[in-house]
Amino acid sequence: MVQEWEIWSCANHAIKVHGENAAIFAAMRSDELMEEGDLAAAKFFRRIVTAINRLSEGSMGRVH
């Protein structure tokens, strides 16, 4: 089971690497994993998208 701190760590890393495109990157990766049939990993990336959006709300506005 993935710990909550791991989600936030991944979200922070995605923001550092992908900037304002972090949520888009994570959502696209989630879609890819869903297509591959890896539902657990796809869910993990959806949780990262949510965390990215929460972190980004103050500084960049909501990212979809």
N, C-alpha and C. Protein backbone atom coordinates (compact mmCIF):
# COMPACT_ATOMS: atom_id res chain seq x y z
N MET A 1 0.84 -1.18 0.00
CA MET A 1 0.00 0.00 0.00
C MET A 1 0.88 1.24 0.00
N VAL A 2 0.50 2.19 -0.79
CA VAL A 2 1.24 3.45 -0.92
C VAL A 2 0.87 4.36 0.24
N GLN A 3 1.88 4.92 0.85
CA GLN A 3 1.68 5.86 1.96
C GLN A 3 1.37 7.25 1.41
N GLU A 4 0.65 8.02 2.19
CA GLU A 4 0.26 9.37 1.78
C GLU A 4 1.48 10.25 1.51
N TRP A 5 2.52 10.12 2.31
CA TRP A 5 3.72 10.94 2.10
C TRP A 5 4.36 10.65 0.76
N GLU A 6 4.22 9.41 0.27
CA GLU A 6 4.79 9.05 -1.04
C GLU A 6 4.06 9.78 -2.17
N ILE A 7 2.76 9.91 -2.03
CA ILE A 7 1.97 10.65 -3.02
C ILE A 7 2.44 12.10 -3.10
N TRP A 8 2.57 12.74 -1.92
CA TRP A 8 2.99 14.14 -1.88
C TRP A 8 4.42 14.32 -2.37
N SER A 9 5.27 13.37 -2.07
CA SER A 9 6.65 13.43 -2.54
C SER A 9 6.69 13.35 -4.07
N CYS A 10 5.92 12.43 -4.63
CA CYS A 10 5.86 12.30 -6.09
C CYS A 10 5.26 13.54 -6.73
N ALA A 11 4.25 14.12 -6.10
CA ALA A 11 3.64 15.33 -6.62
C ALA A 11 4.65 16.49 -6.64
N ASN A 12 5.38 16.64 -5.55
CA ASN A 12 6.41 17.69 -5.50
C ASN A 12 7.47 17.47 -6.55
N HIS A 13 7.89 16.24 -6.72
CA HIS A 13 8.91 15.93 -7.73
C HIS A 13 8.38 16.25 -9.14
N ALA A 14 7.14 15.86 -9.42
CA ALA A 14 6.56 16.14 -10.73
C ALA A 14 6.50 17.64 -11.00
N ILE A 15 6.15 18.42 -9.99
CA ILE A 15 6.10 19.87 -10.15
C ILE A 15 7.49 20.43 -10.44
N LYS A 16 8.50 19.92 -9.73
CA LYS A 16 9.87 20.39 -9.96
C LYS A 16 10.34 20.05 -11.37
N VAL A 17 10.00 18.87 -11.84
CA VAL A 17 10.47 18.41 -13.16
C VAL A 17 9.64 18.99 -14.30
N HIS A 18 8.30 19.00 -14.15
CA HIS A 18 7.41 19.35 -15.25
C HIS A 18 6.74 20.71 -15.11
N GLY A 19 6.97 21.37 -13.99
CA GLY A 19 6.40 22.71 -13.78
C GLY A 19 4.89 22.72 -13.89
N GLU A 20 4.37 23.70 -14.61
CA GLU A 20 2.91 23.84 -14.70
C GLU A 20 2.26 22.70 -15.50
N ASN A 21 3.04 21.87 -16.15
CA ASN A 21 2.52 20.72 -16.88
C ASN A 21 2.52 19.43 -16.05
N ALA A 22 2.83 19.54 -14.78
CA ALA A 22 2.96 18.34 -13.93
C ALA A 22 1.67 17.53 -13.87
N ALA A 23 0.55 18.19 -13.67
CA ALA A 23 -0.73 17.47 -13.57
C ALA A 23 -1.07 16.79 -14.90
N ILE A 24 -0.77 17.47 -16.00
CA ILE A 24 -1.02 16.89 -17.32
C ILE A 24 -0.16 15.65 -17.51
N PHE A 25 1.12 15.75 -17.16
CA PHE A 25 2.03 14.60 -17.26
C PHE A 25 1.50 13.42 -16.45
N ALA A 26 1.12 13.67 -15.19
CA ALA A 26 0.65 12.59 -14.32
C ALA A 26 -0.66 11.99 -14.83
N ALA A 27 -1.55 12.83 -15.34
CA ALA A 27 -2.82 12.33 -15.87
C ALA A 27 -2.59 11.48 -17.12
N MET A 28 -1.68 11.91 -17.98
CA MET A 28 -1.37 11.13 -19.17
C MET A 28 -0.75 9.79 -18.80
N ARG A 29 0.12 9.80 -17.81
CA ARG A 29 0.73 8.54 -17.37
C ARG A 29 -0.33 7.62 -16.78
N SER A 30 -1.26 8.18 -16.04
CA SER A 30 -2.35 7.38 -15.49
C SER A 30 -3.16 6.73 -16.62
N ASP A 31 -3.45 7.50 -17.65
CA ASP A 31 -4.18 6.97 -18.80
C ASP A 31 -3.42 5.83 -19.48
N GLU A 32 -2.11 6.02 -19.65
CA GLU A 32 -1.28 4.98 -20.26
C GLU A 32 -1.33 3.69 -19.45
N LEU A 33 -1.20 3.82 -18.14
CA LEU A 33 -1.23 2.66 -17.27
C LEU A 33 -2.59 1.97 -17.29
N MET A 34 -3.65 2.77 -17.39
CA MET A 34 -5.00 2.21 -17.48
C MET A 34 -5.13 1.38 -18.76
N GLU A 35 -4.63 1.92 -19.86
CA GLU A 35 -4.68 1.21 -21.13
C GLU A 35 -3.88 -0.09 -21.08
N GLU A 36 -2.80 -0.09 -20.31
CA GLU A 36 -1.97 -1.29 -20.15
C GLU A 36 -2.59 -2.29 -19.19
N GLY A 37 -3.65 -1.88 -18.50
CA GLY A 37 -4.32 -2.76 -17.56
C GLY A 37 -3.76 -2.73 -16.15
N ASP A 38 -2.87 -1.79 -15.86
CA ASP A 38 -2.29 -1.68 -14.52
C ASP A 38 -3.12 -0.69 -13.70
N LEU A 39 -4.23 -1.19 -13.18
CA LEU A 39 -5.18 -0.32 -12.50
C LEU A 39 -4.64 0.28 -11.21
N ALA A 40 -3.83 -0.49 -10.49
CA ALA A 40 -3.27 0.02 -9.23
C ALA A 40 -2.32 1.19 -9.49
N ALA A 41 -1.48 1.06 -10.50
CA ALA A 41 -0.55 2.15 -10.83
C ALA A 41 -1.30 3.35 -11.38
N ALA A 42 -2.35 3.11 -12.17
CA ALA A 42 -3.16 4.21 -12.70
C ALA A 42 -3.81 4.98 -11.55
N LYS A 43 -4.31 4.27 -10.56
CA LYS A 43 -4.92 4.92 -9.39
C LYS A 43 -3.87 5.74 -8.64
N PHE A 44 -2.67 5.20 -8.51
CA PHE A 44 -1.57 5.91 -7.85
C PHE A 44 -1.33 7.25 -8.55
N PHE A 45 -1.27 7.24 -9.87
CA PHE A 45 -1.02 8.48 -10.60
C PHE A 45 -2.20 9.44 -10.52
N ARG A 46 -3.42 8.93 -10.42
CA ARG A 46 -4.57 9.81 -10.24
C ARG A 46 -4.49 10.51 -8.89
N ARG A 47 -4.01 9.80 -7.88
CA ARG A 47 -3.82 10.42 -6.57
C ARG A 47 -2.73 11.50 -6.64
N ILE A 48 -1.72 11.27 -7.45
CA ILE A 48 -0.67 12.27 -7.64
C ILE A 48 -1.25 13.51 -8.31
N VAL A 49 -2.11 13.32 -9.30
CA VAL A 49 -2.76 14.46 -9.96
C VAL A 49 -3.52 15.31 -8.94
N THR A 50 -4.26 14.66 -8.07
CA THR A 50 -5.01 15.38 -7.03
C THR A 50 -4.06 16.18 -6.13
N ALA A 51 -2.96 15.56 -5.74
CA ALA A 51 -1.98 16.25 -4.88
C ALA A 51 -1.35 17.42 -5.61
N ILE A 52 -1.02 17.23 -6.88
CA ILE A 52 -0.44 18.32 -7.67
C ILE A 52 -1.41 19.49 -7.73
N ASN A 53 -2.68 19.19 -7.99
CA ASN A 53 -3.69 20.26 -8.05
C ASN A 53 -3.78 21.00 -6.73
N ARG A 54 -3.74 20.28 -5.63
CA ARG A 54 -3.81 20.93 -4.32
C ARG A 54 -2.59 21.82 -4.08
N LEU A 55 -1.42 21.32 -4.45
CA LEU A 55 -0.20 22.11 -4.26
C LEU A 55 -0.17 23.32 -5.19
N SER A 56 -0.77 23.19 -6.35
CA SER A 56 -0.70 24.24 -7.37
C SER A 56 -1.76 25.31 -7.22
N GLU A 57 -2.80 25.04 -6.46
CA GLU A 57 -3.91 25.98 -6.37
C GLU A 57 -3.48 27.39 -5.98
N GLY A 58 -2.57 27.50 -5.05
CA GLY A 58 -2.15 28.82 -4.58
C GLY A 58 -1.20 29.53 -5.52
N SER A 59 -0.30 28.79 -6.14
CA SER A 59 0.75 29.45 -6.93
C SER A 59 0.43 29.57 -8.41
N MET A 60 -0.26 28.59 -8.99
CA MET A 60 -0.48 28.61 -10.42
C MET A 60 -1.95 28.59 -10.81
N GLY A 61 -2.83 28.47 -9.87
CA GLY A 61 -4.22 28.24 -10.20
C GLY A 61 -4.43 26.76 -10.41
N ARG A 62 -5.65 26.33 -10.49
CA ARG A 62 -5.96 24.91 -10.61
C ARG A 62 -5.50 24.37 -11.96
N VAL A 63 -4.85 23.22 -11.94
CA VAL A 63 -4.38 22.57 -13.15
C VAL A 63 -5.24 21.35 -13.37
N HIS A 64 -5.73 21.15 -14.59
CA HIS A 64 -6.60 20.01 -14.89
C HIS A 64 -5.84 18.95 -15.62
